[in-house]
Amino acid sequence: MSDEEHHFESKADAGASKTFPQQAGTIRKNGYIVIKNRPCKVVEVSTSKTGKHGHAKCHFVGIDIFTGKKLEDIVPSSHNCDVPHVNRIDYQLIDISEDGFVRFQLHLCLLFITLFF
C-alpha cells in the first residue's frame, strides 16, 4: 500500500451495517455509492436503454470521499448497489498550534438537539 493510500477499518462493531442496498436505477448525481469497495460521491450518472442482450445499465462516475480518486462502475439498473451511510459535520477551525494540534469550535446546543430528537 502506497503512502497516499489509506486503509480505513473500524475496530469496534456494534452490529450496524456500514452500507444499505439501493436499486442502481434510483441513484442520482450528488448521491453516494460504493465503487470497488470505496465510498464515493456520485458526480455523473448515465443510463443505457434495454437492449437485446439484457437489462438497462447505469454507468456511475464517483469520487472517493477520502482520497479524491475518480472511480467508475457499470451496473444493471435493476440490481442493488451498496450505498454507504454518510454523515458530514462541519466544524469551525479555531487554532492550529505550532506543534500541529488543531482546535475546533463545537456547538453543543446542536449536538444536544441531535441526540435527543
PDB file of N, CA and C in Angstrom:
ATOM      1  N   MET A   1       0.850  -1.168   0.000  1.00  0.00           N
ATOM      2  CA  MET A   1       0.000   0.000   0.000  1.00  0.00           C
ATOM      3  C   MET A   1       0.898   1.234   0.000  1.00  0.00           C
ATOM      4  N   SER A   2       0.657   2.169  -0.912  1.00  0.00           N
ATOM      5  CA  SER A   2       1.497   3.358  -1.008  1.00  0.00           C
ATOM      6  C   SER A   2       1.184   4.332   0.117  1.00  0.00           C
ATOM      7  N   ASP A   3       2.066   5.338   0.263  1.00  0.00           N
ATOM      8  CA  ASP A   3       1.866   6.335   1.310  1.00  0.00           C
ATOM      9  C   ASP A   3       0.593   7.140   1.096  1.00  0.00           C
ATOM     10  N   GLU A   4       0.157   7.297  -0.163  1.00  0.00           N
ATOM     11  CA  GLU A   4      -1.017   8.106  -0.449  1.00  0.00           C
ATOM     12  C   GLU A   4      -2.318   7.358  -0.203  1.00  0.00           C
ATOM     13  N   GLU A   5      -2.285   6.036  -0.206  1.00  0.00           N
ATOM     14  CA  GLU A   5      -3.493   5.262   0.017  1.00  0.00           C
ATOM     15  C   GLU A   5      -3.752   5.131   1.511  1.00  0.00           C
ATOM     16  N   HIS A   6      -5.028   5.077   1.865  1.00  0.00           N
ATOM     17  CA  HIS A   6      -5.420   4.947   3.263  1.00  0.00           C
ATOM     18  C   HIS A   6      -6.249   3.686   3.420  1.00  0.00           C
ATOM     19  N   HIS A   7      -6.101   3.048   4.555  1.00  0.00           N
ATOM     20  CA  HIS A   7      -6.912   1.885   4.858  1.00  0.00           C
ATOM     21  C   HIS A   7      -7.771   2.248   6.056  1.00  0.00           C
ATOM     22  N   PHE A   8      -9.082   2.262   5.868  1.00  0.00           N
ATOM     23  CA  PHE A   8      -9.987   2.647   6.933  1.00  0.00           C
ATOM     24  C   PHE A   8     -10.668   1.403   7.463  1.00  0.00           C
ATOM     25  N   GLU A   9     -10.452   1.130   8.728  1.00  0.00           N
ATOM     26  CA  GLU A   9     -11.021  -0.064   9.329  1.00  0.00           C
ATOM     27  C   GLU A   9     -11.512   0.291  10.714  1.00  0.00           C
ATOM     28  N   SER A  10     -12.713  -0.105  11.009  1.00  0.00           N
ATOM     29  CA  SER A  10     -13.281   0.148  12.319  1.00  0.00           C
ATOM     30  C   SER A  10     -12.926  -1.007  13.248  1.00  0.00           C
ATOM     31  N   LYS A  11     -12.402  -0.696  14.419  1.00  0.00           N
ATOM     32  CA  LYS A  11     -12.054  -1.731  15.398  1.00  0.00           C
ATOM     33  C   LYS A  11     -13.282  -2.187  16.180  1.00  0.00           C
ATOM     34  N   ALA A  12     -14.263  -1.302  16.342  1.00  0.00           N
ATOM     35  CA  ALA A  12     -15.469  -1.646  17.084  1.00  0.00           C
ATOM     36  C   ALA A  12     -16.576  -2.020  16.112  1.00  0.00           C
ATOM     37  N   ASP A  13     -17.402  -2.962  16.508  1.00  0.00           N
ATOM     38  CA  ASP A  13     -18.514  -3.358  15.662  1.00  0.00           C
ATOM     39  C   ASP A  13     -19.719  -3.610  16.542  1.00  0.00           C
ATOM     40  N   ALA A  14     -20.711  -2.747  16.424  1.00  0.00           N
ATOM     41  CA  ALA A  14     -21.924  -2.893  17.210  1.00  0.00           C
ATOM     42  C   ALA A  14     -22.993  -3.651  16.436  1.00  0.00           C
ATOM     43  N   GLY A  15     -22.607  -4.227  15.297  1.00  0.00           N
ATOM     44  CA  GLY A  15     -23.558  -4.980  14.503  1.00  0.00           C
ATOM     45  C   GLY A  15     -24.258  -4.153  13.439  1.00  0.00           C
ATOM     46  N   ALA A  16     -24.019  -2.850  13.413  1.00  0.00           N
ATOM     47  CA  ALA A  16     -24.656  -1.989  12.420  1.00  0.00           C
ATOM     48  C   ALA A  16     -23.913  -2.096  11.092  1.00  0.00           C
ATOM     49  N   SER A  17     -24.660  -2.083  10.015  1.00  0.00           N
ATOM     50  CA  SER A  17     -24.061  -2.158   8.692  1.00  0.00           C
ATOM     51  C   SER A  17     -23.520  -0.796   8.286  1.00  0.00           C
ATOM     52  N   LYS A  18     -22.411  -0.806   7.562  1.00  0.00           N
ATOM     53  CA  LYS A  18     -21.819   0.434   7.072  1.00  0.00           C
ATOM     54  C   LYS A  18     -22.461   0.872   5.762  1.00  0.00           C
ATOM     55  N   THR A  19     -23.269  -0.003   5.149  1.00  0.00           N
ATOM     56  CA  THR A  19     -23.942   0.299   3.888  1.00  0.00           C
ATOM     57  C   THR A  19     -25.383  -0.191   3.932  1.00  0.00           C
ATOM     58  N   PHE A  20     -26.165   0.267   2.953  1.00  0.00           N
ATOM     59  CA  PHE A  20     -27.513  -0.252   2.767  1.00  0.00           C
ATOM     60  C   PHE A  20     -27.741  -0.438   1.267  1.00  0.00           C
ATOM     61  N   PRO A  21     -28.612  -1.372   0.872  1.00  0.00           N
ATOM     62  CA  PRO A  21     -28.837  -1.616  -0.558  1.00  0.00           C
ATOM     63  C   PRO A  21     -29.790  -0.584  -1.159  1.00  0.00           C
ATOM     64  N   GLN A  22     -29.509  -0.196  -2.404  1.00  0.00           N
ATOM     65  CA  GLN A  22     -30.392   0.702  -3.141  1.00  0.00           C
ATOM     66  C   GLN A  22     -30.327   0.317  -4.614  1.00  0.00           C
ATOM     67  N   GLN A  23     -31.465   0.300  -5.270  1.00  0.00           N
ATOM     68  CA  GLN A  23     -31.519  -0.083  -6.679  1.00  0.00           C
ATOM     69  C   GLN A  23     -30.719   0.918  -7.513  1.00  0.00           C
ATOM     70  N   ALA A  24     -29.876   0.403  -8.407  1.00  0.00           N
ATOM     71  CA  ALA A  24     -28.964   1.244  -9.192  1.00  0.00           C
ATOM     72  C   ALA A  24     -29.697   2.323  -9.973  1.00  0.00           C
ATOM     73  N   GLY A  25     -30.862   2.011 -10.506  1.00  0.00           N
ATOM     74  CA  GLY A  25     -31.614   2.978 -11.301  1.00  0.00           C
ATOM     75  C   GLY A  25     -32.151   4.155 -10.522  1.00  0.00           C
ATOM     76  N   THR A  26     -32.116   4.082  -9.183  1.00  0.00           N
ATOM     77  CA  THR A  26     -32.630   5.183  -8.358  1.00  0.00           C
ATOM     78  C   THR A  26     -31.523   6.070  -7.798  1.00  0.00           C
ATOM     79  N   ILE A  27     -30.268   5.719  -8.024  1.00  0.00           N
ATOM     80  CA  ILE A  27     -29.141   6.503  -7.501  1.00  0.00           C
ATOM     81  C   ILE A  27     -28.882   7.668  -8.448  1.00  0.00           C
ATOM     82  N   ARG A  28     -28.784   8.867  -7.902  1.00  0.00           N
ATOM     83  CA  ARG A  28     -28.658  10.085  -8.692  1.00  0.00           C
ATOM     84  C   ARG A  28     -27.337  10.800  -8.427  1.00  0.00           C
ATOM     85  N   LYS A  29     -27.062  11.782  -9.265  1.00  0.00           N
ATOM     86  CA  LYS A  29     -25.888  12.636  -9.096  1.00  0.00           C
ATOM     87  C   LYS A  29     -25.955  13.293  -7.718  1.00  0.00           C
ATOM     88  N   ASN A  30     -24.806  13.454  -7.081  1.00  0.00           N
ATOM     89  CA  ASN A  30     -24.630  14.000  -5.725  1.00  0.00           C
ATOM     90  C   ASN A  30     -25.053  13.025  -4.633  1.00  0.00           C
ATOM     91  N   GLY A  31     -25.451  11.806  -5.005  1.00  0.00           N
ATOM     92  CA  GLY A  31     -25.709  10.769  -4.022  1.00  0.00           C
ATOM     93  C   GLY A  31     -24.403  10.050  -3.707  1.00  0.00           C
ATOM     94  N   TYR A  32     -24.509   8.931  -3.010  1.00  0.00           N
ATOM     95  CA  TYR A  32     -23.321   8.166  -2.632  1.00  0.00           C
ATOM     96  C   TYR A  32     -23.487   6.722  -3.074  1.00  0.00           C
ATOM     97  N   ILE A  33     -22.354   6.072  -3.373  1.00  0.00           N
ATOM     98  CA  ILE A  33     -22.350   4.677  -3.805  1.00  0.00           C
ATOM     99  C   ILE A  33     -20.983   4.079  -3.464  1.00  0.00           C
ATOM    100  N   VAL A  34     -20.934   2.773  -3.255  1.00  0.00           N
ATOM    101  CA  VAL A  34     -19.662   2.086  -3.048  1.00  0.00           C
ATOM    102  C   VAL A  34     -19.195   1.557  -4.402  1.00  0.00           C
ATOM    103  N   ILE A  35     -18.013   2.011  -4.836  1.00  0.00           N
ATOM    104  CA  ILE A  35     -17.405   1.542  -6.079  1.00  0.00           C
ATOM    105  C   ILE A  35     -16.056   0.934  -5.729  1.00  0.00           C
ATOM    106  N   LYS A  36     -15.854  -0.326  -6.110  1.00  0.00           N
ATOM    107  CA  LYS A  36     -14.608  -1.046  -5.828  1.00  0.00           C
ATOM    108  C   LYS A  36     -14.253  -0.978  -4.335  1.00  0.00           C
ATOM    109  N   ASN A  37     -15.251  -1.207  -3.495  1.00  0.00           N
ATOM    110  CA  ASN A  37     -15.112  -1.211  -2.025  1.00  0.00           C
ATOM    111  C   ASN A  37     -14.683   0.128  -1.448  1.00  0.00           C
ATOM    112  N   ARG A  38     -14.944   1.226  -2.141  1.00  0.00           N
ATOM    113  CA  ARG A  38     -14.605   2.567  -1.660  1.00  0.00           C
ATOM    114  C   ARG A  38     -15.875   3.422  -1.655  1.00  0.00           C
ATOM    115  N   PRO A  39     -16.129   4.198  -0.588  1.00  0.00           N
ATOM    116  CA  PRO A  39     -17.295   5.086  -0.567  1.00  0.00           C
ATOM    117  C   PRO A  39     -17.053   6.281  -1.488  1.00  0.00           C
ATOM    118  N   CYS A  40     -17.993   6.526  -2.391  1.00  0.00           N
ATOM    119  CA  CYS A  40     -17.819   7.579  -3.397  1.00  0.00           C
ATOM    120  C   CYS A  40     -19.040   8.485  -3.463  1.00  0.00           C
ATOM    121  N   LYS A  41     -18.791   9.753  -3.788  1.00  0.00           N
ATOM    122  CA  LYS A  41     -19.865  10.683  -4.119  1.00  0.00           C
ATOM    123  C   LYS A  41     -20.058  10.609  -5.628  1.00  0.00           C
ATOM    124  N   VAL A  42     -21.295  10.440  -6.066  1.00  0.00           N
ATOM    125  CA  VAL A  42     -21.598  10.293  -7.487  1.00  0.00           C
ATOM    126  C   VAL A  42     -21.531  11.661  -8.159  1.00  0.00           C
ATOM    127  N   VAL A  43     -20.677  11.778  -9.186  1.00  0.00           N
ATOM    128  CA  VAL A  43     -20.552  13.041  -9.914  1.00  0.00           C
ATOM    129  C   VAL A  43     -21.157  12.952 -11.311  1.00  0.00           C
ATOM    130  N   GLU A  44     -21.420  11.737 -11.780  1.00  0.00           N
ATOM    131  CA  GLU A  44     -22.008  11.567 -13.112  1.00  0.00           C
ATOM    132  C   GLU A  44     -22.726  10.230 -13.180  1.00  0.00           C
ATOM    133  N   VAL A  45     -23.929  10.241 -13.766  1.00  0.00           N
ATOM    134  CA  VAL A  45     -24.696   9.013 -13.977  1.00  0.00           C
ATOM    135  C   VAL A  45     -25.235   9.042 -15.399  1.00  0.00           C
ATOM    136  N   SER A  46     -25.052   7.955 -16.123  1.00  0.00           N
ATOM    137  CA  SER A  46     -25.689   7.827 -17.436  1.00  0.00           C
ATOM    138  C   SER A  46     -26.333   6.450 -17.504  1.00  0.00           C
ATOM    139  N   THR A  47     -27.456   6.369 -18.212  1.00  0.00           N
ATOM    140  CA  THR A  47     -28.207   5.122 -18.301  1.00  0.00           C
ATOM    141  C   THR A  47     -28.377   4.736 -19.759  1.00  0.00           C
ATOM    142  N   SER A  48     -28.090   3.474 -20.063  1.00  0.00           N
ATOM    143  CA  SER A  48     -28.318   2.955 -21.413  1.00  0.00           C
ATOM    144  C   SER A  48     -29.672   2.267 -21.443  1.00  0.00           C
ATOM    145  N   LYS A  49     -30.269   2.220 -22.601  1.00  0.00           N
ATOM    146  CA  LYS A  49     -31.571   1.573 -22.757  1.00  0.00           C
ATOM    147  C   LYS A  49     -31.408   0.056 -22.770  1.00  0.00           C
ATOM    148  N   THR A  50     -32.524  -0.618 -22.489  1.00  0.00           N
ATOM    149  CA  THR A  50     -32.528  -2.077 -22.537  1.00  0.00           C
ATOM    150  C   THR A  50     -32.258  -2.526 -23.967  1.00  0.00           C
ATOM    151  N   GLY A  51     -31.333  -3.462 -24.111  1.00  0.00           N
ATOM    152  CA  GLY A  51     -31.001  -3.988 -25.436  1.00  0.00           C
ATOM    153  C   GLY A  51     -31.404  -5.435 -25.548  1.00  0.00           C
ATOM    154  N   LYS A  52     -31.048  -6.045 -26.671  1.00  0.00           N
ATOM    155  CA  LYS A  52     -31.414  -7.446 -26.867  1.00  0.00           C
ATOM    156  C   LYS A  52     -30.572  -8.389 -26.019  1.00  0.00           C
ATOM    157  N   HIS A  53     -29.520  -7.853 -25.370  1.00  0.00           N
ATOM    158  CA  HIS A  53     -28.645  -8.694 -24.550  1.00  0.00           C
ATOM    159  C   HIS A  53     -28.808  -8.450 -23.052  1.00  0.00           C
ATOM    160  N   GLY A  54     -29.945  -7.936 -22.621  1.00  0.00           N
ATOM    161  CA  GLY A  54     -30.137  -7.831 -21.185  1.00  0.00           C
ATOM    162  C   GLY A  54     -30.711  -6.514 -20.717  1.00  0.00           C
ATOM    163  N   HIS A  55     -30.445  -6.228 -19.451  1.00  0.00           N
ATOM    164  CA  HIS A  55     -31.020  -5.089 -18.745  1.00  0.00           C
ATOM    165  C   HIS A  55     -30.436  -3.763 -19.211  1.00  0.00           C
ATOM    166  N   ALA A  56     -31.156  -2.683 -18.858  1.00  0.00           N
ATOM    167  CA  ALA A  56     -30.585  -1.345 -18.997  1.00  0.00           C
ATOM    168  C   ALA A  56     -29.433  -1.247 -18.005  1.00  0.00           C
ATOM    169  N   LYS A  57     -28.435  -0.475 -18.335  1.00  0.00           N
ATOM    170  CA  LYS A  57     -27.238  -0.358 -17.490  1.00  0.00           C
ATOM    171  C   LYS A  57     -27.072   1.080 -17.005  1.00  0.00           C
ATOM    172  N   CYS A  58     -26.547   1.226 -15.793  1.00  0.00           N
ATOM    173  CA  CYS A  58     -26.204   2.535 -15.235  1.00  0.00           C
ATOM    174  C   CYS A  58     -24.688   2.635 -15.174  1.00  0.00           C
ATOM    175  N   HIS A  59     -24.165   3.713 -15.707  1.00  0.00           N
ATOM    176  CA  HIS A  59     -22.721   3.973 -15.652  1.00  0.00           C
ATOM    177  C   HIS A  59     -22.512   5.068 -14.613  1.00  0.00           C
ATOM    178  N   PHE A  60     -21.790   4.724 -13.541  1.00  0.00           N
ATOM    179  CA  PHE A  60     -21.537   5.664 -12.451  1.00  0.00           C
ATOM    180  C   PHE A  60     -20.095   6.141 -12.485  1.00  0.00           C
ATOM    181  N   VAL A  61     -19.907   7.438 -12.295  1.00  0.00           N
ATOM    182  CA  VAL A  61     -18.588   8.019 -12.078  1.00  0.00           C
ATOM    183  C   VAL A  61     -18.648   8.639 -10.691  1.00  0.00           C
ATOM    184  N   GLY A  62     -17.734   8.225  -9.819  1.00  0.00           N
ATOM    185  CA  GLY A  62     -17.726   8.715  -8.446  1.00  0.00           C
ATOM    186  C   GLY A  62     -16.349   9.158  -8.018  1.00  0.00           C
ATOM    187  N   ILE A  63     -16.321  10.013  -6.994  1.00  0.00           N
ATOM    188  CA  ILE A  63     -15.077  10.482  -6.391  1.00  0.00           C
ATOM    189  C   ILE A  63     -15.002   9.906  -4.984  1.00  0.00           C
ATOM    190  N   ASP A  64     -13.921   9.166  -4.701  1.00  0.00           N
ATOM    191  CA  ASP A  64     -13.707   8.583  -3.375  1.00  0.00           C
ATOM    192  C   ASP A  64     -13.739   9.704  -2.342  1.00  0.00           C
ATOM    193  N   ILE A  65     -14.584   9.570  -1.314  1.00  0.00           N
ATOM    194  CA  ILE A  65     -14.756  10.664  -0.351  1.00  0.00           C
ATOM    195  C   ILE A  65     -13.552  10.844   0.568  1.00  0.00           C
ATOM    196  N   PHE A  66     -12.639   9.874   0.610  1.00  0.00           N
ATOM    197  CA  PHE A  66     -11.450  10.007   1.441  1.00  0.00           C
ATOM    198  C   PHE A  66     -10.203  10.365   0.648  1.00  0.00           C
ATOM    199  N   THR A  67     -10.038   9.790  -0.541  1.00  0.00           N
ATOM    200  CA  THR A  67      -8.802  10.011  -1.308  1.00  0.00           C
ATOM    201  C   THR A  67      -8.967  10.983  -2.461  1.00  0.00           C
ATOM    202  N   GLY A  68     -10.208  11.236  -2.898  1.00  0.00           N
ATOM    203  CA  GLY A  68     -10.445  12.130  -4.028  1.00  0.00           C
ATOM    204  C   GLY A  68     -10.212  11.489  -5.384  1.00  0.00           C
ATOM    205  N   LYS A  69      -9.945  10.184  -5.416  1.00  0.00           N
ATOM    206  CA  LYS A  69      -9.702   9.497  -6.690  1.00  0.00           C
ATOM    207  C   LYS A  69     -11.023   9.228  -7.420  1.00  0.00           C
ATOM    208  N   LYS A  70     -10.970   9.301  -8.754  1.00  0.00           N
ATOM    209  CA  LYS A  70     -12.132   9.046  -9.599  1.00  0.00           C
ATOM    210  C   LYS A  70     -12.253   7.544  -9.854  1.00  0.00           C
ATOM    211  N   LEU A  71     -13.455   7.003  -9.632  1.00  0.00           N
ATOM    212  CA  LEU A  71     -13.737   5.587  -9.857  1.00  0.00           C
ATOM    213  C   LEU A  71     -14.991   5.459 -10.713  1.00  0.00           C
ATOM    214  N   GLU A  72     -15.071   4.373 -11.498  1.00  0.00           N
ATOM    215  CA  GLU A  72     -16.221   4.151 -12.368  1.00  0.00           C
ATOM    216  C   GLU A  72     -16.733   2.726 -12.214  1.00  0.00           C
ATOM    217  N   ASP A  73     -18.044   2.565 -12.453  1.00  0.00           N
ATOM    218  CA  ASP A  73     -18.649   1.238 -12.403  1.00  0.00           C
ATOM    219  C   ASP A  73     -19.867   1.221 -13.319  1.00  0.00           C
ATOM    220  N   ILE A  74     -20.170   0.063 -13.878  1.00  0.00           N
ATOM    221  CA  ILE A  74     -21.364  -0.139 -14.699  1.00  0.00           C
ATOM    222  C   ILE A  74     -22.174  -1.254 -14.053  1.00  0.00           C
ATOM    223  N   VAL A  75     -23.462  -0.965 -13.773  1.00  0.00           N
ATOM    224  CA  VAL A  75     -24.321  -1.887 -13.039  1.00  0.00           C
ATOM    225  C   VAL A  75     -25.677  -1.964 -13.747  1.00  0.00           C
ATOM    226  N   PRO A  76     -26.271  -3.160 -13.867  1.00  0.00           N
ATOM    227  CA  PRO A  76     -27.641  -3.230 -14.392  1.00  0.00           C
ATOM    228  C   PRO A  76     -28.578  -2.386 -13.516  1.00  0.00           C
ATOM    229  N   SER A  77     -29.464  -1.620 -14.152  1.00  0.00           N
ATOM    230  CA  SER A  77     -30.286  -0.656 -13.409  1.00  0.00           C
ATOM    231  C   SER A  77     -31.239  -1.309 -12.418  1.00  0.00           C
ATOM    232  N   SER A  78     -31.562  -2.580 -12.611  1.00  0.00           N
ATOM    233  CA  SER A  78     -32.476  -3.267 -11.691  1.00  0.00           C
ATOM    234  C   SER A  78     -31.751  -3.920 -10.515  1.00  0.00           C
ATOM    235  N   HIS A  79     -30.429  -3.929 -10.526  1.00  0.00           N
ATOM    236  CA  HIS A  79     -29.668  -4.555  -9.447  1.00  0.00           C
ATOM    237  C   HIS A  79     -29.448  -3.585  -8.291  1.00  0.00           C
ATOM    238  N   ASN A  80     -29.226  -4.148  -7.108  1.00  0.00           N
ATOM    239  CA  ASN A  80     -28.942  -3.325  -5.936  1.00  0.00           C
ATOM    240  C   ASN A  80     -27.457  -2.995  -5.852  1.00  0.00           C
ATOM    241  N   CYS A  81     -27.175  -1.784  -5.398  1.00  0.00           N
ATOM    242  CA  CYS A  81     -25.803  -1.333  -5.135  1.00  0.00           C
ATOM    243  C   CYS A  81     -25.680  -1.072  -3.645  1.00  0.00           C
ATOM    244  N   ASP A  82     -24.467  -1.149  -3.133  1.00  0.00           N
ATOM    245  CA  ASP A  82     -24.222  -0.758  -1.751  1.00  0.00           C
ATOM    246  C   ASP A  82     -24.078   0.756  -1.693  1.00  0.00           C
ATOM    247  N   VAL A  83     -24.791   1.361  -0.755  1.00  0.00           N
ATOM    248  CA  VAL A  83     -24.726   2.804  -0.536  1.00  0.00           C
ATOM    249  C   VAL A  83     -24.214   3.016   0.884  1.00  0.00           C
ATOM    250  N   PRO A  84     -23.133   3.789   1.061  1.00  0.00           N
ATOM    251  CA  PRO A  84     -22.586   3.977   2.406  1.00  0.00           C
ATOM    252  C   PRO A  84     -23.437   4.941   3.227  1.00  0.00           C
ATOM    253  N   HIS A  85     -23.462   4.708   4.533  1.00  0.00           N
ATOM    254  CA  HIS A  85     -24.067   5.676   5.445  1.00  0.00           C
ATOM    255  C   HIS A  85     -23.067   6.821   5.580  1.00  0.00           C
ATOM    256  N   VAL A  86     -23.441   8.015   5.142  1.00  0.00           N
ATOM    257  CA  VAL A  86     -22.536   9.165   5.182  1.00  0.00           C
ATOM    258  C   VAL A  86     -23.160  10.237   6.057  1.00  0.00           C
ATOM    259  N   ASN A  87     -22.397  10.695   7.039  1.00  0.00           N
ATOM    260  CA  ASN A  87     -22.834  11.769   7.920  1.00  0.00           C
ATOM    261  C   ASN A  87     -21.720  12.798   7.967  1.00  0.00           C
ATOM    262  N   ARG A  88     -21.966  13.966   7.425  1.00  0.00           N
ATOM    263  CA  ARG A  88     -20.937  15.003   7.374  1.00  0.00           C
ATOM    264  C   ARG A  88     -21.253  16.077   8.401  1.00  0.00           C
ATOM    265  N   ILE A  89     -20.248  16.434   9.189  1.00  0.00           N
ATOM    266  CA  ILE A  89     -20.383  17.501  10.177  1.00  0.00           C
ATOM    267  C   ILE A  89     -19.283  18.517   9.913  1.00  0.00           C
ATOM    268  N   ASP A  90     -19.660  19.775   9.764  1.00  0.00           N
ATOM    269  CA  ASP A  90     -18.683  20.843   9.560  1.00  0.00           C
ATOM    270  C   ASP A  90     -18.373  21.502  10.899  1.00  0.00           C
ATOM    271  N   TYR A  91     -17.085  21.705  11.155  1.00  0.00           N
ATOM    272  CA  TYR A  91     -16.625  22.379  12.358  1.00  0.00           C
ATOM    273  C   TYR A  91     -15.889  23.647  11.960  1.00  0.00           C
ATOM    274  N   GLN A  92     -15.879  24.618  12.855  1.00  0.00           N
ATOM    275  CA  GLN A  92     -15.123  25.842  12.609  1.00  0.00           C
ATOM    276  C   GLN A  92     -13.739  25.685  13.228  1.00  0.00           C
ATOM    277  N   LEU A  93     -12.692  25.912  12.416  1.00  0.00           N
ATOM    278  CA  LEU A  93     -11.320  25.825  12.897  1.00  0.00           C
ATOM    279  C   LEU A  93     -11.012  27.046  13.748  1.00  0.00           C
ATOM    280  N   ILE A  94     -10.542  26.820  14.973  1.00  0.00           N
ATOM    281  CA  ILE A  94     -10.223  27.906  15.895  1.00  0.00           C
ATOM    282  C   ILE A  94      -8.736  28.216  15.885  1.00  0.00           C
ATOM    283  N   ASP A  95      -7.897  27.169  15.931  1.00  0.00           N
ATOM    284  CA  ASP A  95      -6.463  27.407  16.074  1.00  0.00           C
ATOM    285  C   ASP A  95      -5.678  26.181  15.614  1.00  0.00           C
ATOM    286  N   ILE A  96      -4.479  26.432  15.070  1.00  0.00           N
ATOM    287  CA  ILE A  96      -3.503  25.376  14.798  1.00  0.00           C
ATOM    288  C   ILE A  96      -2.248  25.758  15.564  1.00  0.00           C
ATOM    289  N   SER A  97      -1.865  24.923  16.540  1.00  0.00           N
ATOM    290  CA  SER A  97      -0.701  25.240  17.365  1.00  0.00           C
ATOM    291  C   SER A  97       0.590  24.958  16.601  1.00  0.00           C
ATOM    292  N   GLU A  98       1.697  25.461  17.124  1.00  0.00           N
ATOM    293  CA  GLU A  98       2.993  25.270  16.473  1.00  0.00           C
ATOM    294  C   GLU A  98       3.400  23.804  16.404  1.00  0.00           C
ATOM    295  N   ASP A  99       2.913  22.984  17.354  1.00  0.00           N
ATOM    296  CA  ASP A  99       3.263  21.563  17.342  1.00  0.00           C
ATOM    297  C   ASP A  99       2.248  20.718  16.561  1.00  0.00           C
ATOM    298  N   GLY A 100       1.337  21.370  15.816  1.00  0.00           N
ATOM    299  CA  GLY A 100       0.462  20.651  14.905  1.00  0.00           C
ATOM    300  C   GLY A 100      -0.909  20.276  15.435  1.00  0.00           C
ATOM    301  N   PHE A 101      -1.241  20.637  16.669  1.00  0.00           N
ATOM    302  CA  PHE A 101      -2.562  20.333  17.199  1.00  0.00           C
ATOM    303  C   PHE A 101      -3.575  21.355  16.699  1.00  0.00           C
ATOM    304  N   VAL A 102      -4.793  20.883  16.470  1.00  0.00           N
ATOM    305  CA  VAL A 102      -5.844  21.776  15.993  1.00  0.00           C
ATOM    306  C   VAL A 102      -6.964  21.848  17.021  1.00  0.00           C
ATOM    307  N   ARG A 103      -7.641  23.003  17.052  1.00  0.00           N
ATOM    308  CA  ARG A 103      -8.810  23.188  17.910  1.00  0.00           C
ATOM    309  C   ARG A 103      -9.978  23.577  17.023  1.00  0.00           C
ATOM    310  N   PHE A 104     -11.144  22.966  17.330  1.00  0.00           N
ATOM    311  CA  PHE A 104     -12.349  23.231  16.553  1.00  0.00           C
ATOM    312  C   PHE A 104     -13.436  23.783  17.460  1.00  0.00           C
ATOM    313  N   GLN A 105     -14.308  24.589  16.881  1.00  0.00           N
ATOM    314  CA  GLN A 105     -15.499  25.077  17.573  1.00  0.00           C
ATOM    315  C   GLN A 105     -16.542  23.972  17.511  1.00  0.00           C
ATOM    316  N   LEU A 106     -17.062  23.581  18.649  1.00  0.00           N
ATOM    317  CA  LEU A 106     -18.088  22.552  18.711  1.00  0.00           C
ATOM    318  C   LEU A 106     -19.347  23.181  19.289  1.00  0.00           C
ATOM    319  N   HIS A 107     -20.453  23.093  18.568  1.00  0.00           N
ATOM    320  CA  HIS A 107     -21.709  23.699  19.017  1.00  0.00           C
ATOM    321  C   HIS A 107     -22.494  22.663  19.816  1.00  0.00           C
ATOM    322  N   LEU A 108     -22.411  22.740  21.134  1.00  0.00           N
ATOM    323  CA  LEU A 108     -23.053  21.749  21.991  1.00  0.00           C
ATOM    324  C   LEU A 108     -24.564  21.789  21.889  1.00  0.00           C
ATOM    325  N   CYS A 109     -25.141  22.963  21.664  1.00  0.00           N
ATOM    326  CA  CYS A 109     -26.601  23.028  21.567  1.00  0.00           C
ATOM    327  C   CYS A 109     -27.091  22.222  20.367  1.00  0.00           C
ATOM    328  N   LEU A 110     -26.360  22.225  19.261  1.00  0.00           N
ATOM    329  CA  LEU A 110     -26.748  21.431  18.100  1.00  0.00           C
ATOM    330  C   LEU A 110     -26.621  19.940  18.391  1.00  0.00           C
ATOM    331  N   LEU A 111     -25.574  19.556  19.123  1.00  0.00           N
ATOM    332  CA  LEU A 111     -25.412  18.153  19.487  1.00  0.00           C
ATOM    333  C   LEU A 111     -26.534  17.701  20.411  1.00  0.00           C
ATOM    334  N   PHE A 112     -26.923  18.568  21.350  1.00  0.00           N
ATOM    335  CA  PHE A 112     -27.996  18.230  22.277  1.00  0.00           C
ATOM    336  C   PHE A 112     -29.289  17.969  21.508  1.00  0.00           C
ATOM    337  N   ILE A 113     -29.618  18.833  20.566  1.00  0.00           N
ATOM    338  CA  ILE A 113     -30.835  18.664  19.776  1.00  0.00           C
ATOM    339  C   ILE A 113     -30.753  17.386  18.948  1.00  0.00           C
ATOM    340  N   THR A 114     -29.596  17.135  18.354  1.00  0.00           N
ATOM    341  CA  THR A 114     -29.428  15.942  17.531  1.00  0.00           C
ATOM    342  C   THR A 114     -29.567  14.670  18.364  1.00  0.00           C
ATOM    343  N   LEU A 115     -29.007  14.679  19.577  1.00  0.00           N
ATOM    344  CA  LEU A 115     -29.023  13.473  20.399  1.00  0.00           C
ATOM    345  C   LEU A 115     -30.402  13.153  20.962  1.00  0.00           C
ATOM    346  N   PHE A 116     -31.208  14.167  21.221  1.00  0.00           N
ATOM    347  CA  PHE A 116     -32.461  13.923  21.920  1.00  0.00           C
ATOM    348  C   PHE A 116     -33.705  14.090  21.057  1.00  0.00           C
ATOM    349  N   PHE A 117     -33.576  14.327  19.786  1.00  0.00           N
ATOM    350  CA  PHE A 117     -34.766  14.437  18.928  1.00  0.00           C
ATOM    351  C   PHE A 117     -34.694  13.485  17.794  1.00  0.00           C
TER     352      PHE A 117
END
